[in-house]
Amino acid sequence: MPDSMVTVKRKCPACGCDTESKIRIDRHGNPYYVCENCGVVVYDRNWYLCPVNEWQFQKLMLEKKPEGHFLYDTGIEIIGAVIKDGEIETEEFPDEVECLSWLIER
């Protein structure tokens, strides 16, 4: 899997230190990061906004803000969206795991 482009800055729940780590996806599709201080694995879905509903997704497409990573489940497919510098990039996926893998590359 390509290296993650998404970096999270969090307080580690295990050691209490501030950490800055890249998001990874485990073999079951769960996003996580590893504390750079103590090495504990922390599962974290707070780096992207999910789920957004249809109205929120349409608003994102029109306004192209706020910046961030978004996931919209249409019930048929999963749409990933990344908004950065006033531009939006979207991609459709058959499942959440593929979408999350795509999102961390952006």
N, C-alpha and C. Protein backbone atom coordinates (compact mmCIF):
# COMPACT_ATOMS: atom_id res chain seq x y z
N MET A 1 0.85 -1.17 0.00
CA MET A 1 0.00 0.00 0.00
C MET A 1 0.89 1.23 0.00
N PRO A 2 0.56 2.28 -0.79
CA PRO A 2 1.35 3.50 -0.81
C PRO A 2 1.39 4.16 0.56
N ASP A 3 2.41 4.96 0.77
CA ASP A 3 2.57 5.66 2.04
C ASP A 3 1.45 6.67 2.24
N SER A 4 1.05 6.84 3.48
CA SER A 4 -0.03 7.75 3.82
C SER A 4 0.40 9.20 3.66
N MET A 5 -0.51 10.03 3.15
CA MET A 5 -0.28 11.46 3.07
C MET A 5 -0.99 12.18 4.21
N VAL A 6 -1.82 11.47 4.97
CA VAL A 6 -2.58 12.07 6.05
C VAL A 6 -1.81 11.91 7.35
N THR A 7 -1.50 13.03 7.98
CA THR A 7 -0.80 13.03 9.26
C THR A 7 -1.73 13.60 10.31
N VAL A 8 -1.83 12.92 11.45
CA VAL A 8 -2.66 13.40 12.55
C VAL A 8 -1.78 13.89 13.68
N LYS A 9 -2.24 14.94 14.33
CA LYS A 9 -1.58 15.45 15.53
C LYS A 9 -2.56 15.21 16.67
N ARG A 10 -2.17 14.36 17.59
CA ARG A 10 -3.06 13.95 18.68
C ARG A 10 -2.27 13.80 19.97
N LYS A 11 -3.01 13.75 21.07
CA LYS A 11 -2.45 13.38 22.36
C LYS A 11 -2.66 11.87 22.49
N CYS A 12 -1.59 11.15 22.68
CA CYS A 12 -1.67 9.69 22.79
C CYS A 12 -2.46 9.31 24.03
N PRO A 13 -3.47 8.45 23.86
CA PRO A 13 -4.25 8.03 25.02
C PRO A 13 -3.47 7.13 25.97
N ALA A 14 -2.37 6.54 25.51
CA ALA A 14 -1.59 5.64 26.36
C ALA A 14 -0.55 6.38 27.20
N CYS A 15 0.25 7.25 26.56
CA CYS A 15 1.34 7.90 27.27
C CYS A 15 1.08 9.38 27.57
N GLY A 16 0.06 9.96 26.92
CA GLY A 16 -0.29 11.35 27.17
C GLY A 16 0.57 12.36 26.43
N CYS A 17 1.54 11.90 25.66
CA CYS A 17 2.40 12.81 24.91
C CYS A 17 1.72 13.25 23.62
N ASP A 18 2.10 14.43 23.14
CA ASP A 18 1.64 14.88 21.84
C ASP A 18 2.39 14.09 20.79
N THR A 19 1.68 13.62 19.79
CA THR A 19 2.31 12.81 18.74
C THR A 19 1.82 13.27 17.38
N GLU A 20 2.64 13.12 16.38
CA GLU A 20 2.30 13.43 14.99
C GLU A 20 2.64 12.20 14.17
N SER A 21 1.62 11.52 13.68
CA SER A 21 1.83 10.25 13.00
C SER A 21 0.98 10.13 11.75
N LYS A 22 1.44 9.30 10.82
CA LYS A 22 0.69 9.06 9.60
C LYS A 22 -0.39 8.00 9.84
N ILE A 23 -1.54 8.21 9.20
CA ILE A 23 -2.63 7.25 9.27
C ILE A 23 -2.30 6.04 8.40
N ARG A 24 -2.61 4.88 8.88
CA ARG A 24 -2.47 3.63 8.15
C ARG A 24 -3.83 2.92 8.16
N ILE A 25 -4.00 1.93 7.31
CA ILE A 25 -5.21 1.13 7.28
C ILE A 25 -4.81 -0.31 7.55
N ASP A 26 -5.44 -0.96 8.56
CA ASP A 26 -5.10 -2.35 8.85
C ASP A 26 -5.78 -3.28 7.85
N ARG A 27 -5.52 -4.57 7.96
CA ARG A 27 -6.05 -5.53 6.99
C ARG A 27 -7.56 -5.68 7.05
N HIS A 28 -8.18 -5.15 8.11
CA HIS A 28 -9.64 -5.20 8.22
C HIS A 28 -10.29 -3.88 7.80
N GLY A 29 -9.47 -2.92 7.34
CA GLY A 29 -10.00 -1.65 6.87
C GLY A 29 -10.15 -0.59 7.95
N ASN A 30 -9.52 -0.80 9.11
CA ASN A 30 -9.63 0.17 10.20
C ASN A 30 -8.45 1.13 10.19
N PRO A 31 -8.73 2.45 10.19
CA PRO A 31 -7.64 3.42 10.22
C PRO A 31 -7.00 3.48 11.60
N TYR A 32 -5.67 3.61 11.62
CA TYR A 32 -4.94 3.70 12.88
C TYR A 32 -3.66 4.50 12.68
N TYR A 33 -3.07 4.90 13.80
CA TYR A 33 -1.74 5.49 13.78
C TYR A 33 -0.95 4.89 14.92
N VAL A 34 0.37 5.01 14.86
CA VAL A 34 1.24 4.51 15.90
C VAL A 34 1.87 5.71 16.59
N CYS A 35 1.74 5.78 17.91
CA CYS A 35 2.33 6.88 18.68
C CYS A 35 3.83 6.86 18.46
N GLU A 36 4.38 8.01 18.06
CA GLU A 36 5.82 8.08 17.81
C GLU A 36 6.63 8.06 19.11
N ASN A 37 5.97 8.28 20.25
CA ASN A 37 6.69 8.30 21.53
C ASN A 37 6.72 6.92 22.21
N CYS A 38 5.56 6.26 22.33
CA CYS A 38 5.50 5.00 23.08
C CYS A 38 5.25 3.78 22.19
N GLY A 39 4.88 4.00 20.91
CA GLY A 39 4.69 2.90 19.98
C GLY A 39 3.33 2.21 20.04
N VAL A 40 2.42 2.71 20.87
CA VAL A 40 1.10 2.09 20.96
C VAL A 40 0.32 2.35 19.67
N VAL A 41 -0.48 1.37 19.26
CA VAL A 41 -1.34 1.50 18.08
C VAL A 41 -2.67 2.09 18.53
N VAL A 42 -3.09 3.19 17.89
CA VAL A 42 -4.33 3.87 18.25
C VAL A 42 -5.25 3.88 17.04
N TYR A 43 -6.43 3.27 17.18
CA TYR A 43 -7.41 3.28 16.10
C TYR A 43 -8.16 4.60 16.13
N ASP A 44 -8.24 5.27 14.96
CA ASP A 44 -8.76 6.63 14.92
C ASP A 44 -9.50 6.89 13.62
N ARG A 45 -10.78 7.18 13.72
CA ARG A 45 -11.58 7.55 12.56
C ARG A 45 -11.88 9.05 12.54
N ASN A 46 -11.24 9.81 13.41
CA ASN A 46 -11.53 11.24 13.51
C ASN A 46 -10.75 12.10 12.53
N TRP A 47 -9.96 11.51 11.66
CA TRP A 47 -9.19 12.31 10.70
C TRP A 47 -9.98 12.63 9.44
N TYR A 48 -11.11 11.99 9.26
CA TYR A 48 -11.97 12.32 8.13
C TYR A 48 -13.39 12.51 8.64
N LEU A 49 -14.19 13.24 7.87
CA LEU A 49 -15.56 13.50 8.28
C LEU A 49 -16.47 12.46 7.66
N CYS A 50 -17.01 11.60 8.49
CA CYS A 50 -17.83 10.51 8.02
C CYS A 50 -18.88 10.21 9.05
N PRO A 51 -20.06 9.91 8.68
CA PRO A 51 -20.52 10.06 7.30
C PRO A 51 -21.07 11.45 7.07
N VAL A 52 -20.96 11.92 5.88
CA VAL A 52 -21.69 13.12 5.51
C VAL A 52 -22.94 12.64 4.79
N ASN A 53 -24.03 13.36 4.98
CA ASN A 53 -25.27 12.97 4.30
C ASN A 53 -25.33 13.59 2.92
N GLU A 54 -26.38 13.30 2.18
CA GLU A 54 -26.49 13.78 0.79
C GLU A 54 -26.46 15.30 0.72
N TRP A 55 -27.20 15.96 1.61
CA TRP A 55 -27.24 17.43 1.60
C TRP A 55 -25.86 18.00 1.90
N GLN A 56 -25.16 17.46 2.90
CA GLN A 56 -23.82 17.93 3.24
C GLN A 56 -22.85 17.71 2.09
N PHE A 57 -22.97 16.56 1.41
CA PHE A 57 -22.07 16.26 0.30
C PHE A 57 -22.29 17.22 -0.85
N GLN A 58 -23.55 17.50 -1.18
CA GLN A 58 -23.84 18.45 -2.25
C GLN A 58 -23.30 19.84 -1.91
N LYS A 59 -23.43 20.22 -0.65
CA LYS A 59 -22.90 21.52 -0.21
C LYS A 59 -21.38 21.56 -0.34
N LEU A 60 -20.71 20.46 0.03
CA LEU A 60 -19.26 20.38 -0.13
C LEU A 60 -18.86 20.54 -1.59
N MET A 61 -19.59 19.87 -2.48
CA MET A 61 -19.29 19.93 -3.91
C MET A 61 -19.42 21.35 -4.46
N LEU A 62 -20.41 22.09 -3.98
CA LEU A 62 -20.64 23.45 -4.45
C LEU A 62 -19.67 24.45 -3.84
N GLU A 63 -19.49 24.38 -2.53
CA GLU A 63 -18.70 25.39 -1.83
C GLU A 63 -17.21 25.08 -1.78
N LYS A 64 -16.86 23.80 -1.92
CA LYS A 64 -15.47 23.35 -1.85
C LYS A 64 -14.79 23.80 -0.56
N LYS A 65 -15.55 23.73 0.52
CA LYS A 65 -15.01 23.99 1.85
C LYS A 65 -15.93 23.34 2.87
N PRO A 66 -15.43 22.99 4.03
CA PRO A 66 -14.08 23.22 4.55
C PRO A 66 -13.09 22.22 3.95
N GLU A 67 -11.80 22.51 4.12
CA GLU A 67 -10.78 21.58 3.66
C GLU A 67 -10.81 20.33 4.51
N GLY A 68 -10.52 19.20 3.90
CA GLY A 68 -10.45 17.95 4.64
C GLY A 68 -10.76 16.75 3.79
N HIS A 69 -10.92 15.62 4.45
CA HIS A 69 -11.21 14.33 3.84
C HIS A 69 -12.62 13.94 4.23
N PHE A 70 -13.42 13.52 3.23
CA PHE A 70 -14.83 13.24 3.46
C PHE A 70 -15.21 11.91 2.83
N LEU A 71 -16.21 11.28 3.43
CA LEU A 71 -16.70 10.00 2.93
C LEU A 71 -18.22 10.05 2.92
N TYR A 72 -18.81 9.72 1.78
CA TYR A 72 -20.27 9.73 1.64
C TYR A 72 -20.72 8.38 1.13
N ASP A 73 -21.59 7.72 1.91
CA ASP A 73 -22.13 6.42 1.54
C ASP A 73 -23.50 6.62 0.89
N THR A 74 -23.59 6.34 -0.41
CA THR A 74 -24.84 6.55 -1.14
C THR A 74 -25.82 5.40 -0.94
N GLY A 75 -25.34 4.33 -0.33
CA GLY A 75 -26.15 3.12 -0.21
C GLY A 75 -25.83 2.13 -1.32
N ILE A 76 -25.23 2.61 -2.38
CA ILE A 76 -24.82 1.76 -3.50
C ILE A 76 -23.30 1.75 -3.62
N GLU A 77 -22.69 2.89 -3.36
CA GLU A 77 -21.25 3.03 -3.45
C GLU A 77 -20.78 4.02 -2.38
N ILE A 78 -19.49 4.07 -2.19
CA ILE A 78 -18.88 5.01 -1.26
C ILE A 78 -18.14 6.05 -2.09
N ILE A 79 -18.37 7.31 -1.80
CA ILE A 79 -17.68 8.39 -2.51
C ILE A 79 -16.71 9.06 -1.54
N GLY A 80 -15.45 9.09 -1.93
CA GLY A 80 -14.44 9.80 -1.16
C GLY A 80 -14.22 11.16 -1.78
N ALA A 81 -14.00 12.16 -0.95
CA ALA A 81 -13.74 13.51 -1.44
C ALA A 81 -12.64 14.15 -0.60
N VAL A 82 -11.74 14.85 -1.28
CA VAL A 82 -10.69 15.59 -0.61
C VAL A 82 -10.78 17.02 -1.10
N ILE A 83 -10.89 17.94 -0.15
CA ILE A 83 -10.92 19.37 -0.49
C ILE A 83 -9.65 20.00 0.03
N LYS A 84 -8.91 20.64 -0.88
CA LYS A 84 -7.66 21.29 -0.52
C LYS A 84 -7.43 22.47 -1.45
N ASP A 85 -7.09 23.61 -0.89
CA ASP A 85 -6.80 24.82 -1.66
C ASP A 85 -7.92 25.20 -2.62
N GLY A 86 -9.17 25.02 -2.19
CA GLY A 86 -10.31 25.39 -3.00
C GLY A 86 -10.65 24.43 -4.12
N GLU A 87 -9.95 23.31 -4.18
CA GLU A 87 -10.19 22.30 -5.21
C GLU A 87 -10.75 21.05 -4.54
N ILE A 88 -11.58 20.31 -5.28
CA ILE A 88 -12.13 19.07 -4.75
C ILE A 88 -11.80 17.91 -5.68
N GLU A 89 -11.38 16.82 -5.09
CA GLU A 89 -11.09 15.60 -5.84
C GLU A 89 -12.02 14.52 -5.29
N THR A 90 -12.73 13.83 -6.17
CA THR A 90 -13.64 12.78 -5.72
C THR A 90 -13.36 11.48 -6.47
N GLU A 91 -13.75 10.39 -5.83
CA GLU A 91 -13.61 9.07 -6.45
C GLU A 91 -14.70 8.17 -5.85
N GLU A 92 -15.23 7.26 -6.67
CA GLU A 92 -16.27 6.33 -6.23
C GLU A 92 -15.65 4.95 -5.99
N PHE A 93 -16.14 4.27 -4.92
CA PHE A 93 -15.59 2.97 -4.53
C PHE A 93 -16.71 2.00 -4.18
N PRO A 94 -16.45 0.70 -4.33
CA PRO A 94 -17.46 -0.29 -3.98
C PRO A 94 -17.58 -0.49 -2.46
N ASP A 95 -16.51 -0.13 -1.71
CA ASP A 95 -16.58 -0.32 -0.25
C ASP A 95 -15.74 0.71 0.49
N GLU A 96 -15.94 0.76 1.79
CA GLU A 96 -15.28 1.76 2.63
C GLU A 96 -13.77 1.55 2.72
N VAL A 97 -13.33 0.31 2.72
CA VAL A 97 -11.90 0.02 2.84
C VAL A 97 -11.13 0.62 1.67
N GLU A 98 -11.61 0.41 0.46
CA GLU A 98 -10.93 0.98 -0.72
C GLU A 98 -10.95 2.50 -0.68
N CYS A 99 -12.08 3.07 -0.24
CA CYS A 99 -12.19 4.51 -0.16
C CYS A 99 -11.20 5.08 0.85
N LEU A 100 -11.11 4.48 2.04
CA LEU A 100 -10.17 4.95 3.06
C LEU A 100 -8.73 4.84 2.57
N SER A 101 -8.41 3.76 1.88
CA SER A 101 -7.06 3.61 1.32
C SER A 101 -6.74 4.73 0.33
N TRP A 102 -7.72 5.08 -0.48
CA TRP A 102 -7.56 6.18 -1.44
C TRP A 102 -7.39 7.51 -0.70
N LEU A 103 -8.22 7.73 0.33
CA LEU A 103 -8.17 9.00 1.06
C LEU A 103 -6.80 9.23 1.72
N ILE A 104 -6.20 8.19 2.29
CA ILE A 104 -4.93 8.41 2.97
C ILE A 104 -3.79 8.72 2.01
N GLU A 105 -3.97 8.43 0.72
CA GLU A 105 -2.96 8.76 -0.28
C GLU A 105 -3.02 10.21 -0.71
N ARG A 106 -4.04 10.92 -0.27
CA ARG A 106 -4.22 12.30 -0.71
C ARG A 106 -3.89 13.27 0.37
